[in-house]
């Protein structure tokens, strides 16, 4: 279950906007759907994110998304740093 403390950590990496849509895209890519094959709704992702519903796979996707975003950010910082060293 995602607690307030966890949510603050997730917000640091994912930002306050667009994180639900980003995780929904990951869920679609991973093939995480309801039993009938339909994708989960945006409100369901919000309920999981706020801790009102529990769903292990989706909770894990939020953490995976945070890690992915952090890695992307670190890669961009490394590229910028390298470019600055070459030009500076």
Protein backbone atom coordinates (compact mmCIF):
# COMPACT_ATOMS: atom_id res chain seq x y z
CA UNK A 1 0.00 0.00 0.00
CA UNK A 2 1.28 3.46 -0.88
CA UNK A 3 1.41 5.67 2.21
CA UNK A 4 1.78 9.45 2.46
CA UNK A 5 5.52 9.01 3.05
CA UNK A 6 5.82 6.84 -0.07
CA UNK A 7 3.74 9.27 -2.09
CA UNK A 8 6.12 12.12 -1.23
CA UNK A 9 9.06 10.04 -2.44
CA UNK A 10 7.22 9.18 -5.65
CA UNK A 11 6.30 12.84 -6.24
CA UNK A 12 9.97 13.81 -5.98
CA UNK A 13 10.83 11.55 -8.91
CA UNK A 14 7.64 11.54 -10.96
CA UNK A 15 6.50 15.11 -10.38
CA UNK A 16 3.02 16.19 -9.38
CA UNK A 17 1.54 16.19 -12.88
CA UNK A 18 1.34 13.50 -15.50
CA UNK A 19 2.49 10.63 -13.31
CA UNK A 20 -0.82 8.76 -13.49
CA UNK A 21 -0.84 8.89 -17.30
CA UNK A 22 2.81 7.81 -17.39
CA UNK A 23 2.12 4.79 -15.18
CA UNK A 24 -1.02 3.96 -17.17
CA UNK A 25 1.15 3.83 -20.28
CA UNK A 26 3.58 1.50 -18.53
CA UNK A 27 0.70 -0.75 -17.43
CA UNK A 28 -0.55 -0.93 -21.00
CA UNK A 29 2.95 -1.76 -22.26
CA UNK A 30 3.38 -4.44 -19.57
CA UNK A 31 -0.04 -5.91 -20.36
CA UNK A 32 -1.48 -5.34 -16.88
CA UNK A 33 -5.25 -5.40 -17.31
CA UNK A 34 -8.41 -6.40 -15.50
CA UNK A 35 -9.50 -10.04 -15.61
CA UNK A 36 -11.72 -9.28 -18.62
CA UNK A 37 -8.74 -7.87 -20.54
CA UNK A 38 -9.80 -4.22 -20.30
CA UNK A 39 -7.28 -1.66 -19.04
CA UNK A 40 -7.69 -0.20 -15.56
CA UNK A 41 -9.27 3.26 -15.41
CA UNK A 42 -7.51 6.48 -14.49
CA UNK A 43 -9.57 6.83 -11.27
CA UNK A 44 -8.44 3.34 -10.24
CA UNK A 45 -4.78 4.35 -10.67
CA UNK A 46 -5.50 7.45 -8.57
CA UNK A 47 -7.06 5.34 -5.83
CA UNK A 48 -4.03 3.06 -5.77
CA UNK A 49 -1.70 6.07 -5.73
CA UNK A 50 -3.52 7.68 -2.80
CA UNK A 51 -3.56 4.41 -0.86
CA UNK A 52 -7.33 3.93 -0.94
CA UNK A 53 -7.04 0.73 -2.99
CA UNK A 54 -4.41 -1.97 -3.01
CA UNK A 55 -3.04 -3.52 -6.17
CA UNK A 56 0.49 -4.90 -5.95
CA UNK A 57 1.26 -4.83 -9.67
CA UNK A 58 0.19 -1.21 -10.08
CA UNK A 59 1.97 -0.16 -6.87
CA UNK A 60 5.12 -1.78 -8.22
CA UNK A 61 4.63 0.08 -11.51
CA UNK A 62 4.64 3.40 -9.66
CA UNK A 63 8.01 2.47 -8.14
CA UNK A 64 9.32 1.20 -11.48
CA UNK A 65 8.22 4.45 -13.11
CA UNK A 66 10.03 6.48 -10.44
CA UNK A 67 13.21 4.47 -10.97
CA UNK A 68 12.92 4.79 -14.74
CA UNK A 69 12.41 8.57 -14.54
CA UNK A 70 15.33 8.92 -12.13
CA UNK A 71 17.62 6.92 -14.43
CA UNK A 72 16.56 9.02 -17.42
CA UNK A 73 17.26 12.20 -15.47
CA UNK A 74 20.68 10.94 -14.36
CA UNK A 75 21.58 9.97 -17.93
CA UNK A 76 20.64 13.44 -19.20
CA UNK A 77 22.69 15.06 -16.44
CA UNK A 78 25.69 12.90 -17.37
CA UNK A 79 25.35 13.86 -21.04
CA UNK A 80 25.09 17.56 -20.16
CA UNK A 81 28.09 17.31 -17.85
CA UNK A 82 30.12 15.60 -20.57
CA UNK A 83 29.15 18.27 -23.12
CA UNK A 84 30.11 21.04 -20.69
CA UNK A 85 33.52 19.46 -20.10
CA UNK A 86 34.15 19.19 -23.83
CA UNK A 87 33.15 22.79 -24.56
CA UNK A 88 34.48 24.36 -21.35
